[in-house]
Amino acid sequence: MSELISQFHFLRPAALLLAVPVIVIWWFWQRGSDPLEGWRKQIAPDLLQALVEGKESSARSPVKWVLAGWLLAVVLIAGPTWRLEPSPFAEDATPLLVLLKAYVSMDTPDPAPSRLERAHLKIADLANARKGQPLGLIAYAGSAHLVLPPTRDTDVVAEMANEISPAIMPVSGDRLDLALREATRVLGRADRGGTVVVITDEVDTDPAALREAARQFDYPVQFLQIRSPETPVAESFSSAAKTLRASVETLSVDDRDIESIVRRAARAPVAQSGDGSDRWEDSGYWFLPLLGILLLFSFRRTESGEVPA
């Protein structure tokens, strides 16, 4: 819901100016269609009100529904939208880039046999769940390195992940900010949008460096916390998730964590170019049933001797 609100806008906002002449035209029309207009010139207002008590408001109410219908039509013409239109030239899935932490803390046997080996297993599950859909891999510790760009051969991603360990990393540490910068380079090169899932036991990156990286990072982020399933979400995750506007998934003994990650990744936009070339879907048709209901209310049954509005 918050995403819908933040992305809601109009494709043709200038069309909203039509509401001004619509209101003016409606005001003159409803005065001319007043069935009591002639009587108002002949009978005192207080007496006329007493004579038509309980009828005038019901006689005038359809006119109000007409105004509501006209204004809603103006909104439809303006083109309300809140989601990107899928590109006819895009592939059917956006890339998912795995950022795997390979620091010595990942060798801790929590859960057994070790956090890193558990991460390898989860990447294999992810590769199986994303069969035929682009999956890439970045390894990071005190530095960040592209292992594989997004590829539809997800099995090779799982195989390469098994070779990642702290021993092969040239610099020790926890530089998630560098991994995010590398992810920006990789996903930006493909220009097809995408999402990132960070698989790590904790986030020990300098908060200032992480905030700086977040300002330049435009892709959805998810965390998979590789610690014992009974362990609550670490404070470092909560802080990093807030900085990156990310979701945090805790490790599960079954596939619930992977299913959740895949489900969120599937909702990512096909492209987020940010250069004005994105095509937004005109969603005005969602309001057509409401417009039909307003039109029905604008009609009323006329009684014998009554002048319809």
C-alpha atoms as a PDB file:
ATOM      1  CA  MET A   1       0.000   0.000   0.000  1.00  0.00           C
ATOM      2  CA  SER A   2       2.807   2.454   0.865  1.00  0.00           C
ATOM      3  CA  GLU A   3       4.468   1.690  -2.492  1.00  0.00           C
ATOM      4  CA  LEU A   4       1.191   2.405  -4.302  1.00  0.00           C
ATOM      5  CA  ILE A   5       0.817   5.753  -2.531  1.00  0.00           C
ATOM      6  CA  SER A   6       4.418   6.801  -3.194  1.00  0.00           C
ATOM      7  CA  GLN A   7       4.225   5.979  -6.926  1.00  0.00           C
ATOM      8  CA  PHE A   8       0.707   7.302  -7.579  1.00  0.00           C
ATOM      9  CA  HIS A   9       0.608  10.139 -10.114  1.00  0.00           C
ATOM     10  CA  PHE A  10      -1.213  11.269 -13.254  1.00  0.00           C
ATOM     11  CA  LEU A  11       0.040  10.722 -16.797  1.00  0.00           C
ATOM     12  CA  ARG A  12      -1.795  13.844 -17.990  1.00  0.00           C
ATOM     13  CA  PRO A  13      -2.023  16.080 -14.904  1.00  0.00           C
ATOM     14  CA  ALA A  14      -2.998  19.151 -16.978  1.00  0.00           C
ATOM     15  CA  ALA A  15      -6.311  17.419 -17.725  1.00  0.00           C
ATOM     16  CA  LEU A  16      -7.305  17.969 -14.082  1.00  0.00           C
ATOM     17  CA  LEU A  17      -7.873  21.633 -15.016  1.00  0.00           C
ATOM     18  CA  LEU A  18     -11.005  20.423 -16.810  1.00  0.00           C
ATOM     19  CA  ALA A  19     -12.581  20.179 -13.351  1.00  0.00           C
ATOM     20  CA  VAL A  20     -12.988  23.994 -13.327  1.00  0.00           C
ATOM     21  CA  PRO A  21     -15.225  24.282 -16.437  1.00  0.00           C
ATOM     22  CA  VAL A  22     -17.016  21.087 -15.383  1.00  0.00           C
ATOM     23  CA  ILE A  23     -18.028  22.648 -12.062  1.00  0.00           C
ATOM     24  CA  VAL A  24     -19.049  25.913 -13.764  1.00  0.00           C
ATOM     25  CA  ILE A  25     -21.138  24.125 -16.408  1.00  0.00           C
ATOM     26  CA  TRP A  26     -22.745  21.913 -13.765  1.00  0.00           C
ATOM     27  CA  TRP A  27     -23.635  24.948 -11.618  1.00  0.00           C
ATOM     28  CA  PHE A  28     -25.443  26.718 -14.480  1.00  0.00           C
ATOM     29  CA  TRP A  29     -27.065  23.480 -15.649  1.00  0.00           C
ATOM     30  CA  GLN A  30     -28.405  22.509 -12.241  1.00  0.00           C
ATOM     31  CA  ARG A  31     -29.900  25.994 -11.817  1.00  0.00           C
ATOM     32  CA  GLY A  32     -31.623  25.717 -15.190  1.00  0.00           C
ATOM     33  CA  SER A  33     -32.906  22.215 -14.437  1.00  0.00           C
ATOM     34  CA  ASP A  34     -34.449  23.198 -11.094  1.00  0.00           C
ATOM     35  CA  PRO A  35     -38.101  21.967 -11.333  1.00  0.00           C
ATOM     36  CA  LEU A  36     -39.121  24.628  -8.806  1.00  0.00           C
ATOM     37  CA  GLU A  37     -37.425  27.530 -10.549  1.00  0.00           C
ATOM     38  CA  GLY A  38     -40.727  29.008 -11.811  1.00  0.00           C
ATOM     39  CA  TRP A  39     -42.417  28.649  -8.448  1.00  0.00           C
ATOM     40  CA  ARG A  40     -39.524  30.363  -6.675  1.00  0.00           C
ATOM     41  CA  LYS A  41     -40.461  33.578  -8.493  1.00  0.00           C
ATOM     42  CA  GLN A  42     -44.107  33.339  -7.472  1.00  0.00           C
ATOM     43  CA  ILE A  43     -44.073  31.989  -3.880  1.00  0.00           C
ATOM     44  CA  ALA A  44     -42.225  33.217  -0.822  1.00  0.00           C
ATOM     45  CA  PRO A  45     -39.190  31.020  -0.047  1.00  0.00           C
ATOM     46  CA  ASP A  46     -40.458  30.041   3.431  1.00  0.00           C
ATOM     47  CA  LEU A  47     -43.847  29.002   2.092  1.00  0.00           C
ATOM     48  CA  LEU A  48     -42.309  27.112  -0.824  1.00  0.00           C
ATOM     49  CA  GLN A  49     -40.014  25.242   1.503  1.00  0.00           C
ATOM     50  CA  ALA A  50     -42.966  24.174   3.621  1.00  0.00           C
ATOM     51  CA  LEU A  51     -44.882  22.995   0.570  1.00  0.00           C
ATOM     52  CA  VAL A  52     -42.076  20.840  -0.765  1.00  0.00           C
ATOM     53  CA  GLU A  53     -40.622  19.695   2.532  1.00  0.00           C
ATOM     54  CA  GLY A  54     -39.070  16.259   2.216  1.00  0.00           C
ATOM     55  CA  LYS A  55     -39.203  16.317  -1.598  1.00  0.00           C
ATOM     56  CA  GLU A  56     -36.840  19.022  -2.786  1.00  0.00           C
ATOM     57  CA  SER A  57     -33.671  17.345  -1.443  1.00  0.00           C
ATOM     58  CA  SER A  58     -34.581  14.045  -3.064  1.00  0.00           C
ATOM     59  CA  ALA A  59     -35.424  15.835  -6.302  1.00  0.00           C
ATOM     60  CA  ARG A  60     -32.027  17.560  -6.346  1.00  0.00           C
ATOM     61  CA  SER A  61     -29.840  14.633  -5.220  1.00  0.00           C
ATOM     62  CA  PRO A  62     -29.418  13.091  -8.723  1.00  0.00           C
ATOM     63  CA  VAL A  63     -27.862  16.373  -9.851  1.00  0.00           C
ATOM     64  CA  LYS A  64     -25.130  15.920  -7.250  1.00  0.00           C
ATOM     65  CA  TRP A  65     -24.385  12.443  -8.547  1.00  0.00           C
ATOM     66  CA  VAL A  66     -24.019  13.913 -12.047  1.00  0.00           C
ATOM     67  CA  LEU A  67     -21.323  16.277 -10.746  1.00  0.00           C
ATOM     68  CA  ALA A  68     -19.526  13.395  -9.011  1.00  0.00           C
ATOM     69  CA  GLY A  69     -19.614  11.384 -12.242  1.00  0.00           C
ATOM     70  CA  TRP A  70     -18.267  14.277 -14.303  1.00  0.00           C
ATOM     71  CA  LEU A  71     -15.414  14.887 -11.861  1.00  0.00           C
ATOM     72  CA  LEU A  72     -14.517  11.193 -11.840  1.00  0.00           C
ATOM     73  CA  ALA A  73     -14.457  11.277 -15.646  1.00  0.00           C
ATOM     74  CA  VAL A  74     -11.934  14.120 -15.417  1.00  0.00           C
ATOM     75  CA  VAL A  75      -9.753  11.933 -13.156  1.00  0.00           C
ATOM     76  CA  LEU A  76      -9.935   9.116 -15.732  1.00  0.00           C
ATOM     77  CA  ILE A  77      -8.923  11.486 -18.531  1.00  0.00           C
ATOM     78  CA  ALA A  78      -5.927  12.629 -16.447  1.00  0.00           C
ATOM     79  CA  GLY A  79      -4.627   9.039 -16.470  1.00  0.00           C
ATOM     80  CA  PRO A  80      -4.087   7.849 -12.882  1.00  0.00           C
ATOM     81  CA  THR A  81      -1.216   5.388 -12.575  1.00  0.00           C
ATOM     82  CA  TRP A  82       0.911   3.723  -9.922  1.00  0.00           C
ATOM     83  CA  ARG A  83       2.819   0.956 -11.685  1.00  0.00           C
ATOM     84  CA  LEU A  84       5.229   0.565 -14.572  1.00  0.00           C
ATOM     85  CA  GLU A  85       4.059  -0.961 -17.817  1.00  0.00           C
ATOM     86  CA  PRO A  86       5.960  -4.143 -18.744  1.00  0.00           C
ATOM     87  CA  SER A  87       8.261  -3.548 -21.696  1.00  0.00           C
ATOM     88  CA  PRO A  88       7.315  -5.639 -24.761  1.00  0.00           C
ATOM     89  CA  PHE A  89      11.034  -6.076 -25.423  1.00  0.00           C
ATOM     90  CA  ALA A  90      11.989  -7.145 -21.910  1.00  0.00           C
ATOM     91  CA  GLU A  91      12.534 -10.697 -20.814  1.00  0.00           C
ATOM     92  CA  ASP A  92       9.982 -12.273 -18.550  1.00  0.00           C
ATOM     93  CA  ALA A  93      11.977 -11.899 -15.307  1.00  0.00           C
ATOM     94  CA  THR A  94      14.230  -9.279 -13.801  1.00  0.00           C
ATOM     95  CA  PRO A  95      17.692 -10.256 -12.547  1.00  0.00           C
ATOM     96  CA  LEU A  96      18.241 -11.274  -8.943  1.00  0.00           C
ATOM     97  CA  LEU A  97      21.758 -10.592  -7.694  1.00  0.00           C
ATOM     98  CA  VAL A  98      23.065 -12.478  -4.643  1.00  0.00           C
ATOM     99  CA  LEU A  99      25.540 -10.643  -2.409  1.00  0.00           C
ATOM    100  CA  LEU A 100      27.294 -13.339  -0.374  1.00  0.00           C
ATOM    101  CA  LYS A 101      29.385 -12.336   2.619  1.00  0.00           C
ATOM    102  CA  ALA A 102      32.644 -14.317   2.823  1.00  0.00           C
ATOM    103  CA  TYR A 103      34.165 -13.040   6.056  1.00  0.00           C
ATOM    104  CA  VAL A 104      35.592 -15.326   8.768  1.00  0.00           C
ATOM    105  CA  SER A 105      32.474 -14.838  10.938  1.00  0.00           C
ATOM    106  CA  MET A 106      30.618 -16.928   8.346  1.00  0.00           C
ATOM    107  CA  ASP A 107      32.717 -19.957   9.386  1.00  0.00           C
ATOM    108  CA  THR A 108      30.942 -20.004  12.772  1.00  0.00           C
ATOM    109  CA  PRO A 109      28.958 -23.266  13.288  1.00  0.00           C
ATOM    110  CA  ASP A 110      25.653 -21.487  14.011  1.00  0.00           C
ATOM    111  CA  PRO A 111      23.789 -23.215  12.489  1.00  0.00           C
ATOM    112  CA  ALA A 112      25.898 -26.334  11.924  1.00  0.00           C
ATOM    113  CA  PRO A 113      27.906 -27.199   9.939  1.00  0.00           C
ATOM    114  CA  SER A 114      28.723 -23.480   9.436  1.00  0.00           C
ATOM    115  CA  ARG A 115      26.946 -20.297   8.443  1.00  0.00           C
ATOM    116  CA  LEU A 116      28.774 -20.195   5.106  1.00  0.00           C
ATOM    117  CA  GLU A 117      27.908 -23.791   4.223  1.00  0.00           C
ATOM    118  CA  ARG A 118      24.298 -23.091   5.176  1.00  0.00           C
ATOM    119  CA  ALA A 119      24.454 -20.064   2.863  1.00  0.00           C
ATOM    120  CA  HIS A 120      25.734 -22.306   0.060  1.00  0.00           C
ATOM    121  CA  LEU A 121      22.744 -24.601   0.549  1.00  0.00           C
ATOM    122  CA  LYS A 122      20.321 -21.681   0.480  1.00  0.00           C
ATOM    123  CA  ILE A 123      21.863 -20.360  -2.739  1.00  0.00           C
ATOM    124  CA  ALA A 124      21.385 -23.825  -4.252  1.00  0.00           C
ATOM    125  CA  ASP A 125      17.726 -23.709  -3.205  1.00  0.00           C
ATOM    126  CA  LEU A 126      17.430 -20.235  -4.685  1.00  0.00           C
ATOM    127  CA  ALA A 127      19.012 -21.397  -7.949  1.00  0.00           C
ATOM    128  CA  ASN A 128      16.527 -24.253  -8.118  1.00  0.00           C
ATOM    129  CA  ALA A 129      13.574 -21.940  -7.427  1.00  0.00           C
ATOM    130  CA  ARG A 130      14.761 -19.495 -10.143  1.00  0.00           C
ATOM    131  CA  LYS A 131      15.352 -22.052 -12.869  1.00  0.00           C
ATOM    132  CA  GLY A 132      15.647 -20.235 -16.198  1.00  0.00           C
ATOM    133  CA  GLN A 133      15.487 -16.790 -14.572  1.00  0.00           C
ATOM    134  CA  PRO A 134      18.509 -14.465 -14.349  1.00  0.00           C
ATOM    135  CA  LEU A 135      20.580 -15.044 -11.219  1.00  0.00           C
ATOM    136  CA  GLY A 136      23.969 -13.493 -10.452  1.00  0.00           C
ATOM    137  CA  LEU A 137      26.535 -13.624  -7.646  1.00  0.00           C
ATOM    138  CA  ILE A 138      28.836 -11.134  -5.924  1.00  0.00           C
ATOM    139  CA  ALA A 139      31.189 -12.147  -3.095  1.00  0.00           C
ATOM    140  CA  TYR A 140      32.284  -9.581  -0.567  1.00  0.00           C
ATOM    141  CA  ALA A 141      34.287  -9.167   2.627  1.00  0.00           C
ATOM    142  CA  GLY A 142      36.656  -6.179   2.900  1.00  0.00           C
ATOM    143  CA  SER A 143      36.305  -5.858  -0.888  1.00  0.00           C
ATOM    144  CA  ALA A 144      33.591  -6.838  -3.382  1.00  0.00           C
ATOM    145  CA  HIS A 145      34.003  -8.977  -6.504  1.00  0.00           C
ATOM    146  CA  LEU A 146      31.660 -10.070  -9.286  1.00  0.00           C
ATOM    147  CA  VAL A 147      31.628 -13.871  -9.492  1.00  0.00           C
ATOM    148  CA  LEU A 148      28.953 -14.235 -12.155  1.00  0.00           C
ATOM    149  CA  PRO A 149      26.732 -11.652 -13.852  1.00  0.00           C
ATOM    150  CA  PRO A 150      23.015 -12.549 -14.019  1.00  0.00           C
ATOM    151  CA  THR A 151      22.608 -15.726 -16.037  1.00  0.00           C
ATOM    152  CA  ARG A 152      19.724 -18.082 -16.760  1.00  0.00           C
ATOM    153  CA  ASP A 153      22.017 -21.046 -16.053  1.00  0.00           C
ATOM    154  CA  THR A 154      21.286 -20.937 -12.331  1.00  0.00           C
ATOM    155  CA  ASP A 155      23.034 -24.255 -11.661  1.00  0.00           C
ATOM    156  CA  VAL A 156      26.402 -22.714 -12.427  1.00  0.00           C
ATOM    157  CA  VAL A 157      25.667 -19.943  -9.926  1.00  0.00           C
ATOM    158  CA  ALA A 158      25.137 -22.550  -7.199  1.00  0.00           C
ATOM    159  CA  GLU A 159      28.349 -24.326  -8.202  1.00  0.00           C
ATOM    160  CA  MET A 160      30.383 -21.129  -8.110  1.00  0.00           C
ATOM    161  CA  ALA A 161      28.903 -20.157  -4.744  1.00  0.00           C
ATOM    162  CA  ASN A 162      30.241 -23.396  -3.270  1.00  0.00           C
ATOM    163  CA  GLU A 163      33.777 -22.219  -4.094  1.00  0.00           C
ATOM    164  CA  ILE A 164      33.408 -18.968  -2.151  1.00  0.00           C
ATOM    165  CA  SER A 165      35.174 -18.866   1.229  1.00  0.00           C
ATOM    166  CA  PRO A 166      37.054 -16.324   3.389  1.00  0.00           C
ATOM    167  CA  ALA A 167      40.333 -17.893   2.250  1.00  0.00           C
ATOM    168  CA  ILE A 168      39.980 -16.620  -1.321  1.00  0.00           C
ATOM    169  CA  MET A 169      39.015 -13.053  -0.387  1.00  0.00           C
ATOM    170  CA  PRO A 170      41.938 -10.623  -0.767  1.00  0.00           C
ATOM    171  CA  VAL A 171      40.790  -8.279   2.024  1.00  0.00           C
ATOM    172  CA  SER A 172      38.992  -9.198   5.236  1.00  0.00           C
ATOM    173  CA  GLY A 173      36.187  -7.116   6.646  1.00  0.00           C
ATOM    174  CA  ASP A 174      32.524  -6.346   6.083  1.00  0.00           C
ATOM    175  CA  ARG A 175      32.138  -3.809   3.250  1.00  0.00           C
ATOM    176  CA  LEU A 176      28.540  -4.237   2.223  1.00  0.00           C
ATOM    177  CA  ASP A 177      28.704  -0.705   0.821  1.00  0.00           C
ATOM    178  CA  LEU A 178      31.266  -1.853  -1.761  1.00  0.00           C
ATOM    179  CA  ALA A 179      29.102  -4.836  -2.666  1.00  0.00           C
ATOM    180  CA  LEU A 180      26.145  -2.519  -3.266  1.00  0.00           C
ATOM    181  CA  ARG A 181      28.258  -0.288  -5.502  1.00  0.00           C
ATOM    182  CA  GLU A 182      29.334  -3.326  -7.513  1.00  0.00           C
ATOM    183  CA  ALA A 183      25.679  -4.442  -7.743  1.00  0.00           C
ATOM    184  CA  THR A 184      24.741  -1.005  -9.084  1.00  0.00           C
ATOM    185  CA  ARG A 185      27.399  -1.348 -11.784  1.00  0.00           C
ATOM    186  CA  VAL A 186      26.277  -4.862 -12.773  1.00  0.00           C
ATOM    187  CA  LEU A 187      22.533  -4.198 -12.828  1.00  0.00           C
ATOM    188  CA  GLY A 188      22.960  -0.801 -14.446  1.00  0.00           C
ATOM    189  CA  ARG A 189      24.974  -2.338 -17.259  1.00  0.00           C
ATOM    190  CA  ALA A 190      22.077  -4.658 -18.138  1.00  0.00           C
ATOM    191  CA  ASP A 191      19.558  -1.761 -17.839  1.00  0.00           C
ATOM    192  CA  ARG A 192      16.734  -4.174 -17.000  1.00  0.00           C
ATOM    193  CA  GLY A 193      16.151  -3.381 -13.361  1.00  0.00           C
ATOM    194  CA  GLY A 194      16.532  -6.116 -10.785  1.00  0.00           C
ATOM    195  CA  THR A 195      16.706  -6.902  -7.087  1.00  0.00           C
ATOM    196  CA  VAL A 196      19.415  -7.772  -4.596  1.00  0.00           C
ATOM    197  CA  VAL A 197      19.466 -10.335  -1.797  1.00  0.00           C
ATOM    198  CA  VAL A 198      22.246 -10.022   0.784  1.00  0.00           C
ATOM    199  CA  ILE A 199      23.119 -13.334   2.445  1.00  0.00           C
ATOM    200  CA  THR A 200      25.070 -12.665   5.619  1.00  0.00           C
ATOM    201  CA  ASP A 201      25.230 -13.416   9.328  1.00  0.00           C
ATOM    202  CA  GLU A 202      25.388  -9.750  10.401  1.00  0.00           C
ATOM    203  CA  VAL A 203      26.053  -6.262   9.035  1.00  0.00           C
ATOM    204  CA  ASP A 204      29.213  -4.730  10.467  1.00  0.00           C
ATOM    205  CA  THR A 205      29.653  -2.073   7.777  1.00  0.00           C
ATOM    206  CA  ASP A 206      30.375   1.505   8.819  1.00  0.00           C
ATOM    207  CA  PRO A 207      26.921   3.180   9.029  1.00  0.00           C
ATOM    208  CA  ALA A 208      28.103   6.347   7.277  1.00  0.00           C
ATOM    209  CA  ALA A 209      29.533   4.347   4.353  1.00  0.00           C
ATOM    210  CA  LEU A 210      26.328   2.320   4.138  1.00  0.00           C
ATOM    211  CA  ARG A 211      24.185   5.476   4.092  1.00  0.00           C
ATOM    212  CA  GLU A 212      26.318   6.918   1.302  1.00  0.00           C
ATOM    213  CA  ALA A 213      25.959   3.714  -0.740  1.00  0.00           C
ATOM    214  CA  ALA A 214      22.205   3.668  -0.112  1.00  0.00           C
ATOM    215  CA  ARG A 215      21.830   7.157  -1.595  1.00  0.00           C
ATOM    216  CA  GLN A 216      23.221   5.873  -4.887  1.00  0.00           C
ATOM    217  CA  PHE A 217      21.411   2.531  -4.873  1.00  0.00           C
ATOM    218  CA  ASP A 218      18.025   2.354  -6.662  1.00  0.00           C
ATOM    219  CA  TYR A 219      17.175  -1.354  -6.475  1.00  0.00           C
ATOM    220  CA  PRO A 220      15.054  -3.301  -3.972  1.00  0.00           C
ATOM    221  CA  VAL A 221      17.119  -5.057  -1.285  1.00  0.00           C
ATOM    222  CA  GLN A 222      16.391  -8.140   0.802  1.00  0.00           C
ATOM    223  CA  PHE A 223      18.426  -9.637   3.636  1.00  0.00           C
ATOM    224  CA  LEU A 224      18.667 -13.329   4.472  1.00  0.00           C
ATOM    225  CA  GLN A 225      20.047 -13.678   7.996  1.00  0.00           C
ATOM    226  CA  ILE A 226      22.246 -16.784   8.160  1.00  0.00           C
ATOM    227  CA  ARG A 227      22.103 -17.595  11.842  1.00  0.00           C
ATOM    228  CA  SER A 228      20.296 -20.197  13.915  1.00  0.00           C
ATOM    229  CA  PRO A 229      16.526 -20.061  13.191  1.00  0.00           C
ATOM    230  CA  GLU A 230      15.924 -19.478  16.911  1.00  0.00           C
ATOM    231  CA  THR A 231      18.105 -16.344  16.861  1.00  0.00           C
ATOM    232  CA  PRO A 232      16.105 -13.094  16.747  1.00  0.00           C
ATOM    233  CA  VAL A 233      16.859 -10.527  14.073  1.00  0.00           C
ATOM    234  CA  ALA A 234      20.127  -8.811  15.002  1.00  0.00           C
ATOM    235  CA  GLU A 235      20.142  -5.080  15.652  1.00  0.00           C
ATOM    236  CA  SER A 236      22.684  -4.666  12.849  1.00  0.00           C
ATOM    237  CA  PHE A 237      20.125  -6.073  10.413  1.00  0.00           C
ATOM    238  CA  SER A 238      17.375  -3.768  11.619  1.00  0.00           C
ATOM    239  CA  SER A 239      19.595  -0.713  11.278  1.00  0.00           C
ATOM    240  CA  ALA A 240      20.903  -1.701   7.834  1.00  0.00           C
ATOM    241  CA  ALA A 241      17.401  -2.616   6.644  1.00  0.00           C
ATOM    242  CA  LYS A 242      16.143   0.804   7.686  1.00  0.00           C
ATOM    243  CA  THR A 243      18.994   2.506   5.826  1.00  0.00           C
ATOM    244  CA  LEU A 244      18.389   0.488   2.647  1.00  0.00           C
ATOM    245  CA  ARG A 245      14.579   0.282   2.996  1.00  0.00           C
ATOM    246  CA  ALA A 246      15.065  -3.489   2.859  1.00  0.00           C
ATOM    247  CA  SER A 247      13.164  -6.509   4.126  1.00  0.00           C
ATOM    248  CA  VAL A 248      14.777  -9.064   6.439  1.00  0.00           C
ATOM    249  CA  GLU A 249      14.149 -12.776   6.096  1.00  0.00           C
ATOM    250  CA  THR A 250      15.286 -15.115   8.874  1.00  0.00           C
ATOM    251  CA  LEU A 251      16.732 -18.533   8.151  1.00  0.00           C
ATOM    252  CA  SER A 252      14.207 -21.379   8.066  1.00  0.00           C
ATOM    253  CA  VAL A 253      14.780 -25.137   8.050  1.00  0.00           C
ATOM    254  CA  ASP A 254      12.446 -25.501   5.079  1.00  0.00           C
ATOM    255  CA  ASP A 255      12.034 -23.405   1.916  1.00  0.00           C
ATOM    256  CA  ARG A 256       9.831 -20.682   3.381  1.00  0.00           C
ATOM    257  CA  ASP A 257      12.675 -18.151   3.402  1.00  0.00           C
ATOM    258  CA  ILE A 258      13.606 -18.826  -0.228  1.00  0.00           C
ATOM    259  CA  GLU A 259       9.966 -18.770  -1.347  1.00  0.00           C
ATOM    260  CA  SER A 260       9.517 -15.384   0.290  1.00  0.00           C
ATOM    261  CA  ILE A 261      12.648 -13.991  -1.388  1.00  0.00           C
ATOM    262  CA  VAL A 262      11.589 -15.272  -4.816  1.00  0.00           C
ATOM    263  CA  ARG A 263       8.088 -13.876  -4.352  1.00  0.00           C
ATOM    264  CA  ARG A 264       9.369 -10.387  -3.520  1.00  0.00           C
ATOM    265  CA  ALA A 265      11.857 -10.460  -6.392  1.00  0.00           C
ATOM    266  CA  ALA A 266       9.056 -11.299  -8.826  1.00  0.00           C
ATOM    267  CA  ARG A 267       7.279  -8.064  -7.904  1.00  0.00           C
ATOM    268  CA  ALA A 268      10.219  -5.877  -8.952  1.00  0.00           C
ATOM    269  CA  PRO A 269       9.669  -3.518 -11.936  1.00  0.00           C
ATOM    270  CA  VAL A 270      11.094  -4.651 -15.255  1.00  0.00           C
ATOM    271  CA  ALA A 271      13.168  -1.496 -15.503  1.00  0.00           C
ATOM    272  CA  GLN A 272      13.999   1.479 -13.339  1.00  0.00           C
ATOM    273  CA  SER A 273      15.953   3.687 -15.696  1.00  0.00           C
ATOM    274  CA  GLY A 274      15.126   6.945 -13.963  1.00  0.00           C
ATOM    275  CA  ASP A 275      15.724   8.856 -17.222  1.00  0.00           C
ATOM    276  CA  GLY A 276      12.066   9.445 -18.053  1.00  0.00           C
ATOM    277  CA  SER A 277      11.889   6.528 -20.503  1.00  0.00           C
ATOM    278  CA  ASP A 278       9.856   4.297 -18.195  1.00  0.00           C
ATOM    279  CA  ARG A 279       6.329   3.638 -19.433  1.00  0.00           C
ATOM    280  CA  TRP A 280       3.619   3.873 -16.798  1.00  0.00           C
ATOM    281  CA  GLU A 281       0.390   1.928 -17.173  1.00  0.00           C
ATOM    282  CA  ASP A 282      -2.755   4.053 -17.511  1.00  0.00           C
ATOM    283  CA  SER A 283      -4.922   2.563 -14.743  1.00  0.00           C
ATOM    284  CA  GLY A 284      -8.008   4.720 -15.241  1.00  0.00           C
ATOM    285  CA  TYR A 285     -10.014   1.671 -16.257  1.00  0.00           C
ATOM    286  CA  TRP A 286     -10.021   0.547 -12.614  1.00  0.00           C
ATOM    287  CA  PHE A 287     -12.415   3.433 -11.908  1.00  0.00           C
ATOM    288  CA  LEU A 288     -14.883   2.626 -14.700  1.00  0.00           C
ATOM    289  CA  PRO A 289     -17.181   0.479 -12.469  1.00  0.00           C
ATOM    290  CA  LEU A 290     -17.399   3.367 -10.004  1.00  0.00           C
ATOM    291  CA  LEU A 291     -18.261   5.729 -12.856  1.00  0.00           C
ATOM    292  CA  GLY A 292     -21.040   3.359 -13.931  1.00  0.00           C
ATOM    293  CA  ILE A 293     -22.449   3.295 -10.396  1.00  0.00           C
ATOM    294  CA  LEU A 294     -22.465   7.106 -10.257  1.00  0.00           C
ATOM    295  CA  LEU A 295     -24.317   7.235 -13.566  1.00  0.00           C
ATOM    296  CA  LEU A 296     -26.962   4.876 -12.192  1.00  0.00           C
ATOM    297  CA  PHE A 297     -27.451   7.124  -9.179  1.00  0.00           C
ATOM    298  CA  SER A 298     -27.838  10.132 -11.478  1.00  0.00           C
ATOM    299  CA  PHE A 299     -31.097   8.663 -12.814  1.00  0.00           C
ATOM    300  CA  ARG A 300     -34.257   8.641 -10.715  1.00  0.00           C
ATOM    301  CA  ARG A 301     -37.783   7.450 -11.223  1.00  0.00           C
ATOM    302  CA  THR A 302     -40.164  10.337 -11.967  1.00  0.00           C
ATOM    303  CA  GLU A 303     -43.495  10.411 -10.238  1.00  0.00           C
ATOM    304  CA  SER A 304     -46.783  11.574 -11.785  1.00  0.00           C
ATOM    305  CA  GLY A 305     -46.722  15.306 -12.267  1.00  0.00           C
ATOM    306  CA  GLU A 306     -43.043  15.614 -11.272  1.00  0.00           C
ATOM    307  CA  VAL A 307     -40.568  17.239 -13.562  1.00  0.00           C
ATOM    308  CA  PRO A 308     -37.407  15.091 -13.805  1.00  0.00           C
ATOM    309  CA  ALA A 309     -34.057  16.707 -13.016  1.00  0.00           C
END
